[in-house]
Amino acid sequence: MEPYNFWQDLFDTYQSLSDWMKFAWLIVPPAFVLGLVAIVLHFRMAGARK
């Protein structure tokens, strides 16, 4: 029995996705992080003005 390799399974799954899903898989997480940082900075600056 072969040992399970998480990374090999993840990359194999990624390669089998359609092109638009690959694009979404690469774009959505960084966009989410940037949006979250923007929201946090917005409320920090708004709180500092009070």
PDB file of N, CA and C in Angstrom:
ATOM      1  N   MET A   1       0.843  -1.179   0.000  1.00  0.00           N
ATOM      2  CA  MET A   1       0.000   0.000   0.000  1.00  0.00           C
ATOM      3  C   MET A   1       0.895   1.251   0.000  1.00  0.00           C
ATOM      4  N   GLU A   2       0.590   2.170  -0.906  1.00  0.00           N
ATOM      5  CA  GLU A   2       1.379   3.398  -0.999  1.00  0.00           C
ATOM      6  C   GLU A   2       0.959   4.380   0.092  1.00  0.00           C
ATOM      7  N   PRO A   3       1.924   5.129   0.619  1.00  0.00           N
ATOM      8  CA  PRO A   3       1.562   6.156   1.599  1.00  0.00           C
ATOM      9  C   PRO A   3       0.826   7.313   0.913  1.00  0.00           C
ATOM     10  N   TYR A   4      -0.091   7.924   1.632  1.00  0.00           N
ATOM     11  CA  TYR A   4      -0.883   9.032   1.094  1.00  0.00           C
ATOM     12  C   TYR A   4      -0.036  10.294   1.056  1.00  0.00           C
ATOM     13  N   ASN A   5      -0.060  10.993  -0.076  1.00  0.00           N
ATOM     14  CA  ASN A   5       0.671  12.243  -0.221  1.00  0.00           C
ATOM     15  C   ASN A   5      -0.346  13.355  -0.502  1.00  0.00           C
ATOM     16  N   PHE A   6      -0.534  14.240   0.465  1.00  0.00           N
ATOM     17  CA  PHE A   6      -1.511  15.324   0.349  1.00  0.00           C
ATOM     18  C   PHE A   6      -1.200  16.229  -0.833  1.00  0.00           C
ATOM     19  N   TRP A   7       0.055  16.640  -0.983  1.00  0.00           N
ATOM     20  CA  TRP A   7       0.433  17.584  -2.031  1.00  0.00           C
ATOM     21  C   TRP A   7       0.229  16.996  -3.421  1.00  0.00           C
ATOM     22  N   GLN A   8       0.560  15.747  -3.590  1.00  0.00           N
ATOM     23  CA  GLN A   8       0.365  15.099  -4.883  1.00  0.00           C
ATOM     24  C   GLN A   8      -1.130  15.052  -5.221  1.00  0.00           C
ATOM     25  N   ASP A   9      -1.945  14.741  -4.248  1.00  0.00           N
ATOM     26  CA  ASP A   9      -3.389  14.698  -4.453  1.00  0.00           C
ATOM     27  C   ASP A   9      -3.941  16.087  -4.767  1.00  0.00           C
ATOM     28  N   LEU A  10      -3.475  17.106  -4.057  1.00  0.00           N
ATOM     29  CA  LEU A  10      -3.924  18.475  -4.285  1.00  0.00           C
ATOM     30  C   LEU A  10      -3.564  18.942  -5.694  1.00  0.00           C
ATOM     31  N   PHE A  11      -2.323  18.725  -6.115  1.00  0.00           N
ATOM     32  CA  PHE A  11      -1.900  19.168  -7.442  1.00  0.00           C
ATOM     33  C   PHE A  11      -2.560  18.367  -8.550  1.00  0.00           C
ATOM     34  N   ASP A  12      -2.827  17.103  -8.309  1.00  0.00           N
ATOM     35  CA  ASP A  12      -3.542  16.287  -9.288  1.00  0.00           C
ATOM     36  C   ASP A  12      -4.968  16.795  -9.457  1.00  0.00           C
ATOM     37  N   THR A  13      -5.613  17.158  -8.359  1.00  0.00           N
ATOM     38  CA  THR A  13      -6.964  17.716  -8.412  1.00  0.00           C
ATOM     39  C   THR A  13      -6.953  19.054  -9.137  1.00  0.00           C
ATOM     40  N   TYR A  14      -5.952  19.894  -8.861  1.00  0.00           N
ATOM     41  CA  TYR A  14      -5.842  21.199  -9.524  1.00  0.00           C
ATOM     42  C   TYR A  14      -5.689  21.028 -11.031  1.00  0.00           C
ATOM     43  N   GLN A  15      -4.877  20.082 -11.462  1.00  0.00           N
ATOM     44  CA  GLN A  15      -4.663  19.879 -12.892  1.00  0.00           C
ATOM     45  C   GLN A  15      -5.921  19.398 -13.596  1.00  0.00           C
ATOM     46  N   SER A  16      -6.804  18.727 -12.893  1.00  0.00           N
ATOM     47  CA  SER A  16      -8.014  18.204 -13.526  1.00  0.00           C
ATOM     48  C   SER A  16      -9.141  19.237 -13.584  1.00  0.00           C
ATOM     49  N   LEU A  17      -8.961  20.413 -12.987  1.00  0.00           N
ATOM     50  CA  LEU A  17      -9.999  21.440 -13.016  1.00  0.00           C
ATOM     51  C   LEU A  17     -10.081  22.084 -14.393  1.00  0.00           C
ATOM     52  N   SER A  18     -11.224  22.684 -14.689  1.00  0.00           N
ATOM     53  CA  SER A  18     -11.358  23.444 -15.932  1.00  0.00           C
ATOM     54  C   SER A  18     -10.552  24.738 -15.805  1.00  0.00           C
ATOM     55  N   ASP A  19     -10.297  25.374 -16.942  1.00  0.00           N
ATOM     56  CA  ASP A  19      -9.450  26.572 -16.939  1.00  0.00           C
ATOM     57  C   ASP A  19     -10.039  27.707 -16.120  1.00  0.00           C
ATOM     58  N   TRP A  20     -11.371  27.902 -16.194  1.00  0.00           N
ATOM     59  CA  TRP A  20     -11.954  29.004 -15.429  1.00  0.00           C
ATOM     60  C   TRP A  20     -11.916  28.730 -13.934  1.00  0.00           C
ATOM     61  N   MET A  21     -11.982  27.458 -13.538  1.00  0.00           N
ATOM     62  CA  MET A  21     -11.869  27.122 -12.118  1.00  0.00           C
ATOM     63  C   MET A  21     -10.432  27.311 -11.630  1.00  0.00           C
ATOM     64  N   LYS A  22      -9.457  27.016 -12.476  1.00  0.00           N
ATOM     65  CA  LYS A  22      -8.058  27.282 -12.115  1.00  0.00           C
ATOM     66  C   LYS A  22      -7.856  28.774 -11.886  1.00  0.00           C
ATOM     67  N   PHE A  23      -8.436  29.583 -12.776  1.00  0.00           N
ATOM     68  CA  PHE A  23      -8.336  31.033 -12.639  1.00  0.00           C
ATOM     69  C   PHE A  23      -8.963  31.499 -11.328  1.00  0.00           C
ATOM     70  N   ALA A  24     -10.156  30.999 -11.027  1.00  0.00           N
ATOM     71  CA  ALA A  24     -10.843  31.380  -9.794  1.00  0.00           C
ATOM     72  C   ALA A  24     -10.063  30.915  -8.572  1.00  0.00           C
ATOM     73  N   TRP A  25      -9.484  29.713  -8.649  1.00  0.00           N
ATOM     74  CA  TRP A  25      -8.724  29.148  -7.533  1.00  0.00           C
ATOM     75  C   TRP A  25      -7.487  29.986  -7.225  1.00  0.00           C
ATOM     76  N   LEU A  26      -6.927  30.635  -8.243  1.00  0.00           N
ATOM     77  CA  LEU A  26      -5.740  31.471  -8.041  1.00  0.00           C
ATOM     78  C   LEU A  26      -6.085  32.905  -7.668  1.00  0.00           C
ATOM     79  N   ILE A  27      -7.231  33.420  -8.106  1.00  0.00           N
ATOM     80  CA  ILE A  27      -7.576  34.826  -7.907  1.00  0.00           C
ATOM     81  C   ILE A  27      -8.397  35.079  -6.646  1.00  0.00           C
ATOM     82  N   VAL A  28      -9.312  34.212  -6.315  1.00  0.00           N
ATOM     83  CA  VAL A  28     -10.237  34.456  -5.200  1.00  0.00           C
ATOM     84  C   VAL A  28      -9.530  34.571  -3.843  1.00  0.00           C
ATOM     85  N   PRO A  29      -8.624  33.660  -3.462  1.00  0.00           N
ATOM     86  CA  PRO A  29      -7.999  33.817  -2.138  1.00  0.00           C
ATOM     87  C   PRO A  29      -7.210  35.123  -1.951  1.00  0.00           C
ATOM     88  N   PRO A  30      -6.353  35.536  -2.920  1.00  0.00           N
ATOM     89  CA  PRO A  30      -5.674  36.827  -2.722  1.00  0.00           C
ATOM     90  C   PRO A  30      -6.643  38.010  -2.718  1.00  0.00           C
ATOM     91  N   ALA A  31      -7.694  37.957  -3.536  1.00  0.00           N
ATOM     92  CA  ALA A  31      -8.678  39.038  -3.544  1.00  0.00           C
ATOM     93  C   ALA A  31      -9.402  39.113  -2.199  1.00  0.00           C
ATOM     94  N   PHE A  32      -9.697  37.980  -1.605  1.00  0.00           N
ATOM     95  CA  PHE A  32     -10.343  37.948  -0.291  1.00  0.00           C
ATOM     96  C   PHE A  32      -9.430  38.578   0.764  1.00  0.00           C
ATOM     97  N   VAL A  33      -8.159  38.220   0.754  1.00  0.00           N
ATOM     98  CA  VAL A  33      -7.206  38.760   1.732  1.00  0.00           C
ATOM     99  C   VAL A  33      -7.050  40.267   1.549  1.00  0.00           C
ATOM    100  N   LEU A  34      -6.924  40.722   0.304  1.00  0.00           N
ATOM    101  CA  LEU A  34      -6.798  42.166   0.060  1.00  0.00           C
ATOM    102  C   LEU A  34      -8.052  42.917   0.496  1.00  0.00           C
ATOM    103  N   GLY A  35      -9.220  42.353   0.231  1.00  0.00           N
ATOM    104  CA  GLY A  35     -10.464  42.981   0.671  1.00  0.00           C
ATOM    105  C   GLY A  35     -10.558  43.046   2.186  1.00  0.00           C
ATOM    106  N   LEU A  36     -10.144  41.983   2.849  1.00  0.00           N
ATOM    107  CA  LEU A  36     -10.167  41.957   4.310  1.00  0.00           C
ATOM    108  C   LEU A  36      -9.210  42.998   4.894  1.00  0.00           C
ATOM    109  N   VAL A  37      -8.034  43.123   4.314  1.00  0.00           N
ATOM    110  CA  VAL A  37      -7.068  44.137   4.772  1.00  0.00           C
ATOM    111  C   VAL A  37      -7.632  45.537   4.555  1.00  0.00           C
ATOM    112  N   ALA A  38      -8.279  45.769   3.411  1.00  0.00           N
ATOM    113  CA  ALA A  38      -8.863  47.082   3.129  1.00  0.00           C
ATOM    114  C   ALA A  38      -9.947  47.430   4.135  1.00  0.00           C
ATOM    115  N   ILE A  39     -10.790  46.457   4.472  1.00  0.00           N
ATOM    116  CA  ILE A  39     -11.859  46.703   5.447  1.00  0.00           C
ATOM    117  C   ILE A  39     -11.281  47.006   6.823  1.00  0.00           C
ATOM    118  N   VAL A  40     -10.284  46.234   7.251  1.00  0.00           N
ATOM    119  CA  VAL A  40      -9.669  46.452   8.562  1.00  0.00           C
ATOM    120  C   VAL A  40      -9.014  47.827   8.613  1.00  0.00           C
ATOM    121  N   LEU A  41      -8.270  48.193   7.581  1.00  0.00           N
ATOM    122  CA  LEU A  41      -7.619  49.506   7.567  1.00  0.00           C
ATOM    123  C   LEU A  41      -8.640  50.634   7.539  1.00  0.00           C
ATOM    124  N   HIS A  42      -9.730  50.454   6.824  1.00  0.00           N
ATOM    125  CA  HIS A  42     -10.771  51.477   6.761  1.00  0.00           C
ATOM    126  C   HIS A  42     -11.356  51.741   8.150  1.00  0.00           C
ATOM    127  N   PHE A  43     -11.681  50.672   8.869  1.00  0.00           N
ATOM    128  CA  PHE A  43     -12.286  50.851  10.189  1.00  0.00           C
ATOM    129  C   PHE A  43     -11.273  51.329  11.229  1.00  0.00           C
ATOM    130  N   ARG A  44     -10.006  50.970  11.059  1.00  0.00           N
ATOM    131  CA  ARG A  44      -8.989  51.492  11.982  1.00  0.00           C
ATOM    132  C   ARG A  44      -8.817  52.985  11.802  1.00  0.00           C
ATOM    133  N   MET A  45      -8.803  53.422  10.541  1.00  0.00           N
ATOM    134  CA  MET A  45      -8.661  54.863  10.289  1.00  0.00           C
ATOM    135  C   MET A  45      -9.905  55.632  10.733  1.00  0.00           C
ATOM    136  N   ALA A  46     -11.078  55.040  10.546  1.00  0.00           N
ATOM    137  CA  ALA A  46     -12.322  55.689  10.979  1.00  0.00           C
ATOM    138  C   ALA A  46     -12.356  55.786  12.499  1.00  0.00           C
ATOM    139  N   GLY A  47     -11.856  54.761  13.188  1.00  0.00           N
ATOM    140  CA  GLY A  47     -11.820  54.790  14.646  1.00  0.00           C
ATOM    141  C   GLY A  47     -10.809  55.786  15.180  1.00  0.00           C
ATOM    142  N   ALA A  48      -9.729  56.013  14.464  1.00  0.00           N
ATOM    143  CA  ALA A  48      -8.697  56.954  14.899  1.00  0.00           C
ATOM    144  C   ALA A  48      -9.181  58.395  14.738  1.00  0.00           C
ATOM    145  N   ARG A  49     -10.108  58.634  13.823  1.00  0.00           N
ATOM    146  CA  ARG A  49     -10.605  60.002  13.601  1.00  0.00           C
ATOM    147  C   ARG A  49     -11.548  60.440  14.703  1.00  0.00           C
ATOM    148  N   LYS A  50     -12.151  59.523  15.421  1.00  0.00           N
ATOM    149  CA  LYS A  50     -13.145  59.886  16.445  1.00  0.00           C
ATOM    150  C   LYS A  50     -12.520  60.441  17.671  1.00  0.00           C
TER     151      LYS A  50
END
